[in-house]
Amino acid sequence: MPGRQLPAKSIGAAYEAFAEAVLGRIASMAPVPYEQDFGVDFYALPRVRLPDNTETVVELCSVQVKGGEPRQITFGGLDDKGGWKRHEVDWLRGLNVPLYIATVDRGFTVVRLYSTSPVVGVFFQSGTPFKITCSLGESALSSDATPAGLRFEPANHAPGSDGHDWHVDLCAPALELRLPELLEQARRDSLRDVFVSWIQADRVAQVYLRQHVPTYRAPSRYRTNERPTEFLEWLFWNPTPGVPSRHLEREIAPLVTALVQHLLGQNDDAALQVWLPILQWLDQRGNLTGMGKAAIAEVTGRTTA
């Protein structure tokens, strides 16, 4: 449209620019070009000062900016034509780095950063949720935040989906940032450390999801702008008889192989006798590579020697 454009474009760009300016005080912000934006607006790497008065970056996460302080964000559900937006659910499940929602108020005074890692619990219970509704809570600066558990309700039986709308409480933001409060280096360092601690915990959840290891460790009580100190661990399994364990077997096979190889190097014969049957079972199930088979042969040779 020569000579004009939709106001939403400039407003959205302003929200993103403000979020970049504020988060840029504690992290290196790499913007994703508009034409390459499939849901991630920035990649963020927290800045760490070095003794020689230089700085480096640690960790990595992605950031999606939302303006106007929404109370909910959704993934999936139905589009305007009544079609299931499965691509949104698949995109969220397929992320390789933690995703944070950065909200900017309409007055452009504050950025609040929410972790989306609680969504991991949905994917461990439902491979194809129809819809995921995330609730964003108020900041918890002077009192503890305690996230609510996952819940779901019947929504729509779109073919290929579980037909449920999953409700995920993202609870209080991990960070609440205002530019005047970021003038002092000590304060920036403190908030950056909080950011790093969240990314490290969320990265583990992301790795477990990618490896199909159904466990998730999440903050059970925390305050905004402070490191979480209390965690709750979740473990998910399917009690239905006959459900295969192949995906778990494939994941643990290289770990057991590496452990047995380590025990061989340590000459720990007692421990090897414990782990050898497990390695042999994994081999019988077709999960071992040549390295695993070689480890079995070496342990067996030691036993018969």
Protein backbone atom coordinates (compact mmCIF):
# COMPACT_ATOMS: atom_id res chain seq x y z
CA MET A 1 0.00 0.00 0.00
CA PRO A 2 2.11 2.95 -1.20
CA GLY A 3 1.86 5.92 1.15
CA ARG A 4 0.18 4.05 3.97
CA GLN A 5 0.39 0.96 6.21
CA LEU A 6 -1.57 -0.70 8.98
CA PRO A 7 -1.04 0.91 12.43
CA ALA A 8 -0.55 -2.53 13.97
CA LYS A 9 2.80 -2.85 12.19
CA SER A 10 4.32 0.25 13.74
CA ILE A 11 2.82 -0.51 17.16
CA GLY A 12 4.19 -4.05 17.09
CA ALA A 13 7.59 -2.78 16.00
CA ALA A 14 7.59 -0.28 18.88
CA TYR A 15 6.84 -3.02 21.41
CA GLU A 16 9.68 -5.13 20.03
CA ALA A 17 12.10 -2.18 20.02
CA PHE A 18 11.32 -1.40 23.66
CA ALA A 19 11.73 -5.03 24.71
CA GLU A 20 15.05 -5.17 22.86
CA ALA A 21 16.28 -1.97 24.55
CA VAL A 22 15.37 -3.18 28.04
CA LEU A 23 16.51 -6.79 27.72
CA GLY A 24 19.60 -5.56 25.92
CA ARG A 25 20.85 -4.15 29.22
CA ILE A 26 21.45 -7.69 30.52
CA ALA A 27 21.62 -9.78 27.33
CA SER A 28 22.85 -9.69 23.77
CA MET A 29 19.71 -9.51 21.64
CA ALA A 30 19.77 -10.97 18.13
CA PRO A 31 16.60 -9.88 16.27
CA VAL A 32 14.98 -12.23 13.78
CA PRO A 33 14.24 -10.43 10.48
CA TYR A 34 10.53 -9.97 9.82
CA GLU A 35 10.56 -12.22 6.75
CA GLN A 36 12.25 -14.98 8.81
CA ASP A 37 9.98 -14.59 11.85
CA PHE A 38 8.00 -17.78 12.46
CA GLY A 39 7.26 -17.01 16.10
CA VAL A 40 10.60 -15.98 17.58
CA ASP A 41 11.31 -12.24 17.65
CA PHE A 42 14.75 -12.40 19.30
CA TYR A 43 17.43 -14.80 20.41
CA ALA A 44 18.90 -13.69 23.72
CA LEU A 45 22.29 -14.49 25.26
CA PRO A 46 22.90 -13.09 28.78
CA ARG A 47 25.97 -10.83 29.04
CA VAL A 48 28.71 -11.68 31.55
CA ARG A 49 31.53 -9.29 32.47
CA LEU A 50 35.10 -10.60 32.46
CA PRO A 51 37.96 -9.47 34.73
CA ASP A 52 39.75 -7.66 31.89
CA ASN A 53 36.81 -5.23 31.52
CA THR A 54 35.38 -7.08 28.52
CA GLU A 55 32.29 -9.22 28.39
CA THR A 56 31.09 -12.48 26.91
CA VAL A 57 27.74 -14.25 26.60
CA VAL A 58 26.39 -17.45 28.13
CA GLU A 59 23.39 -19.68 27.52
CA LEU A 60 20.79 -19.09 24.80
CA CYS A 61 17.03 -18.64 24.67
CA SER A 62 14.36 -17.33 22.33
CA VAL A 63 11.97 -14.46 23.03
CA GLN A 64 8.51 -13.72 21.69
CA VAL A 65 7.26 -10.19 22.37
CA LYS A 66 3.62 -9.45 23.22
CA GLY A 67 2.36 -5.89 23.61
CA GLY A 68 -0.38 -4.63 25.90
CA GLU A 69 0.22 -7.10 28.73
CA PRO A 70 -2.08 -9.94 27.63
CA ARG A 71 -3.38 -12.24 30.36
CA GLN A 72 -3.43 -15.29 28.07
CA ILE A 73 -1.67 -16.58 25.00
CA THR A 74 -2.75 -19.62 23.00
CA PHE A 75 -1.18 -22.16 20.70
CA GLY A 76 -3.38 -24.27 18.45
CA GLY A 77 -7.16 -24.15 18.53
CA LEU A 78 -9.21 -23.15 15.51
CA ASP A 79 -8.44 -20.49 12.92
CA ASP A 80 -10.99 -18.11 11.38
CA LYS A 81 -12.04 -20.76 8.88
CA GLY A 82 -12.57 -23.46 11.49
CA GLY A 83 -9.36 -25.33 10.75
CA TRP A 84 -7.12 -26.73 13.47
CA LYS A 85 -3.93 -24.71 13.88
CA ARG A 86 -1.80 -27.79 14.41
CA HIS A 87 1.26 -26.01 13.05
CA GLU A 88 1.37 -23.81 16.16
CA VAL A 89 1.44 -26.83 18.47
CA ASP A 90 4.06 -28.60 16.34
CA TRP A 91 6.19 -25.44 16.29
CA LEU A 92 6.07 -25.08 20.06
CA ARG A 93 6.95 -28.74 20.64
CA GLY A 94 9.81 -28.61 18.13
CA LEU A 95 11.74 -25.71 19.68
CA ASN A 96 15.33 -26.53 20.56
CA VAL A 97 15.91 -23.67 23.01
CA PRO A 98 13.78 -22.31 25.86
CA LEU A 99 11.09 -19.84 24.81
CA TYR A 100 10.20 -16.78 26.90
CA ILE A 101 7.22 -14.49 26.46
CA ALA A 102 8.19 -10.83 26.93
CA THR A 103 5.21 -8.58 27.60
CA VAL A 104 5.37 -4.80 27.24
CA ASP A 105 2.79 -2.55 28.88
CA ARG A 106 0.93 0.04 26.81
CA GLY A 107 2.82 2.84 28.54
CA PHE A 108 6.20 1.40 27.52
CA THR A 109 7.54 1.34 31.08
CA VAL A 110 8.13 -2.32 31.93
CA VAL A 111 9.06 -5.66 30.36
CA ARG A 112 7.97 -8.88 32.04
CA LEU A 113 9.56 -12.16 31.03
CA TYR A 114 7.62 -15.44 31.39
CA SER A 115 9.03 -18.95 31.02
CA THR A 116 6.99 -21.28 28.80
CA SER A 117 8.67 -24.45 30.08
CA PRO A 118 5.56 -25.60 32.02
CA VAL A 119 4.16 -26.48 28.57
CA VAL A 120 6.61 -29.41 28.55
CA GLY A 121 4.25 -31.22 30.92
CA VAL A 122 1.48 -31.05 28.31
CA PHE A 123 3.59 -32.72 25.63
CA PHE A 124 4.58 -35.52 27.98
CA GLN A 125 0.89 -36.27 28.58
CA SER A 126 -0.47 -35.56 25.11
CA GLY A 127 1.55 -35.82 21.94
CA THR A 128 -0.95 -33.76 19.94
CA PRO A 129 -2.90 -31.33 22.14
CA PHE A 130 -5.70 -29.56 20.30
CA LYS A 131 -5.04 -26.28 22.07
CA ILE A 132 -2.73 -24.91 24.76
CA THR A 133 -3.87 -21.87 26.72
CA CYS A 134 -1.16 -20.20 28.81
CA SER A 135 -2.12 -17.84 31.64
CA LEU A 136 0.25 -14.99 32.53
CA GLY A 137 0.17 -13.86 36.14
CA GLU A 138 1.15 -10.71 38.00
CA SER A 139 4.68 -10.09 39.20
CA ALA A 140 5.59 -11.61 42.56
CA LEU A 141 8.06 -9.08 43.96
CA SER A 142 7.08 -9.18 47.63
CA SER A 143 5.32 -12.53 48.00
CA ASP A 144 5.93 -16.04 46.70
CA ALA A 145 4.40 -17.29 43.48
CA THR A 146 3.15 -20.90 43.43
CA PRO A 147 2.25 -22.22 39.96
CA ALA A 148 -0.97 -24.18 39.60
CA GLY A 149 -0.93 -27.65 38.09
CA LEU A 150 -1.91 -28.52 34.53
CA ARG A 151 -5.56 -29.09 33.72
CA PHE A 152 -7.55 -29.74 30.56
CA GLU A 153 -11.12 -29.65 29.34
CA PRO A 154 -12.88 -31.04 26.25
CA ALA A 155 -12.64 -28.64 23.34
CA ASN A 156 -12.79 -29.96 19.78
CA HIS A 157 -12.25 -33.38 18.27
CA ALA A 158 -10.12 -32.22 15.35
CA PRO A 159 -8.75 -35.29 13.54
CA GLY A 160 -5.29 -36.10 14.86
CA SER A 161 -5.64 -34.09 18.06
CA ASP A 162 -6.51 -35.17 21.59
CA GLY A 163 -9.55 -32.87 21.55
CA HIS A 164 -8.51 -31.02 24.71
CA ASP A 165 -7.79 -27.42 25.62
CA TRP A 166 -4.86 -27.62 28.04
CA HIS A 167 -4.54 -24.82 30.58
CA VAL A 168 -1.00 -23.98 31.65
CA ASP A 169 -0.24 -21.54 34.45
CA LEU A 170 2.93 -19.62 33.54
CA CYS A 171 2.39 -17.90 36.88
CA ALA A 172 4.52 -14.87 37.79
CA PRO A 173 7.21 -13.58 35.43
CA ALA A 174 10.77 -14.65 36.03
CA LEU A 175 11.89 -11.06 35.48
CA GLU A 176 10.31 -7.61 35.67
CA LEU A 177 12.59 -5.02 34.09
CA ARG A 178 12.43 -1.23 34.02
CA LEU A 179 15.14 0.90 32.42
CA PRO A 180 15.71 3.25 35.41
CA GLU A 181 16.40 0.20 37.60
CA LEU A 182 19.04 -1.05 35.18
CA LEU A 183 21.40 1.91 35.43
CA GLU A 184 23.66 0.32 38.06
CA GLN A 185 26.00 -2.47 37.00
CA ALA A 186 25.45 -4.45 40.21
CA ARG A 187 21.71 -4.51 39.63
CA ARG A 188 22.15 -5.60 36.02
CA ASP A 189 24.51 -8.38 37.12
CA SER A 190 22.02 -9.58 39.71
CA LEU A 191 19.12 -9.71 37.24
CA ARG A 192 21.31 -11.32 34.63
CA ASP A 193 22.19 -14.10 37.09
CA VAL A 194 18.48 -14.71 37.67
CA PHE A 195 17.95 -14.87 33.91
CA VAL A 196 20.80 -17.38 33.51
CA SER A 197 19.45 -19.61 36.29
CA TRP A 198 16.05 -19.77 34.60
CA ILE A 199 17.54 -20.57 31.19
CA GLN A 200 19.69 -23.34 32.64
CA ALA A 201 16.72 -25.01 34.31
CA ASP A 202 14.48 -24.57 31.26
CA ARG A 203 17.17 -25.89 28.92
CA VAL A 204 17.22 -29.19 30.83
CA ALA A 205 13.44 -29.46 30.41
CA GLN A 206 13.80 -28.75 26.69
CA VAL A 207 16.51 -31.40 26.28
CA TYR A 208 14.44 -34.02 28.11
CA LEU A 209 11.48 -33.26 25.85
CA ARG A 210 13.59 -33.63 22.73
CA GLN A 211 15.02 -36.91 24.02
CA HIS A 212 11.58 -38.24 25.06
CA VAL A 213 12.67 -38.55 28.69
CA PRO A 214 9.37 -37.90 30.51
CA THR A 215 10.53 -35.96 33.54
CA TYR A 216 10.33 -32.28 34.29
CA ARG A 217 11.74 -30.23 37.18
CA ALA A 218 10.01 -26.88 37.70
CA PRO A 219 10.08 -24.09 40.29
CA SER A 220 7.37 -24.76 42.86
CA ARG A 221 7.77 -21.48 44.72
CA TYR A 222 9.65 -18.36 43.63
CA ARG A 223 9.70 -14.59 43.40
CA THR A 224 10.11 -12.36 40.40
CA ASN A 225 13.70 -11.08 39.97
CA GLU A 226 15.07 -13.74 42.33
CA ARG A 227 16.58 -17.14 41.67
CA PRO A 228 14.15 -20.02 42.25
CA THR A 229 15.18 -22.13 45.24
CA GLU A 230 12.30 -24.60 45.57
CA PHE A 231 11.55 -27.10 42.82
CA LEU A 232 9.04 -29.86 42.18
CA GLU A 233 9.91 -32.84 40.00
CA TRP A 234 7.33 -34.43 37.72
CA LEU A 235 7.54 -37.88 36.18
CA PHE A 236 5.13 -39.01 33.47
CA TRP A 237 4.39 -42.56 32.30
CA ASN A 238 1.70 -44.46 30.44
CA PRO A 239 0.06 -47.23 32.51
CA THR A 240 -1.74 -48.70 29.47
CA PRO A 241 -0.68 -52.35 28.98
CA GLY A 242 1.33 -53.02 25.86
CA VAL A 243 2.69 -49.50 25.35
CA PRO A 244 6.23 -49.91 23.92
CA SER A 245 9.27 -48.50 25.71
CA ARG A 246 11.39 -48.33 22.57
CA HIS A 247 11.95 -44.58 22.71
CA LEU A 248 13.27 -44.74 26.28
CA GLU A 249 15.47 -47.71 25.44
CA ARG A 250 17.06 -45.82 22.56
CA GLU A 251 17.80 -42.86 24.80
CA ILE A 252 19.42 -44.77 27.66
CA ALA A 253 21.43 -47.19 25.49
CA PRO A 254 24.35 -44.80 24.79
CA LEU A 255 24.35 -43.66 28.42
CA VAL A 256 24.57 -47.22 29.73
CA THR A 257 27.27 -47.98 27.18
CA ALA A 258 29.29 -44.97 28.34
CA LEU A 259 28.82 -45.92 32.00
CA VAL A 260 29.95 -49.50 31.42
CA GLN A 261 32.98 -48.27 29.49
CA HIS A 262 33.82 -45.99 32.41
CA LEU A 263 33.49 -48.87 34.89
CA LEU A 264 35.80 -50.94 32.69
CA GLY A 265 38.40 -48.22 32.89
CA GLN A 266 37.99 -48.12 36.68
CA ASN A 267 38.26 -51.93 36.98
CA ASP A 268 35.03 -51.91 39.01
CA ASP A 269 34.08 -55.56 38.52
CA ALA A 270 31.29 -55.49 41.12
CA ALA A 271 29.49 -52.65 39.36
CA LEU A 272 30.06 -54.25 35.95
CA GLN A 273 28.18 -57.35 37.06
CA VAL A 274 25.21 -55.13 37.91
CA TRP A 275 25.16 -53.28 34.60
CA LEU A 276 26.09 -56.13 32.24
CA PRO A 277 22.59 -57.73 32.25
CA ILE A 278 21.05 -54.35 31.47
CA LEU A 279 23.41 -53.83 28.56
CA GLN A 280 22.69 -57.34 27.30
CA TRP A 281 18.93 -56.73 27.51
CA LEU A 282 19.30 -53.52 25.50
CA ASP A 283 21.28 -55.49 22.93
CA GLN A 284 18.59 -58.16 22.69
CA ARG A 285 16.10 -55.37 22.03
CA GLY A 286 18.21 -54.08 19.14
CA ASN A 287 19.27 -50.83 20.80
CA LEU A 288 23.07 -51.12 20.86
CA THR A 289 25.61 -49.94 18.31
CA GLY A 290 29.00 -51.54 17.75
CA MET A 291 30.42 -49.73 20.77
CA GLY A 292 27.80 -51.25 23.06
CA LYS A 293 28.37 -54.72 21.68
CA ALA A 294 32.12 -54.30 22.14
CA ALA A 295 31.55 -53.31 25.76
CA ILE A 296 29.55 -56.49 26.34
CA ALA A 297 32.33 -58.57 24.83
CA GLU A 298 34.96 -56.90 26.99
CA VAL A 299 32.99 -57.32 30.21
CA THR A 300 32.19 -60.94 29.36
CA GLY A 301 35.86 -61.59 28.59
CA ARG A 302 36.89 -60.24 31.97
CA THR A 303 34.33 -62.45 33.68
CA THR A 304 35.45 -65.65 31.97
CA ALA A 305 39.18 -64.89 32.18
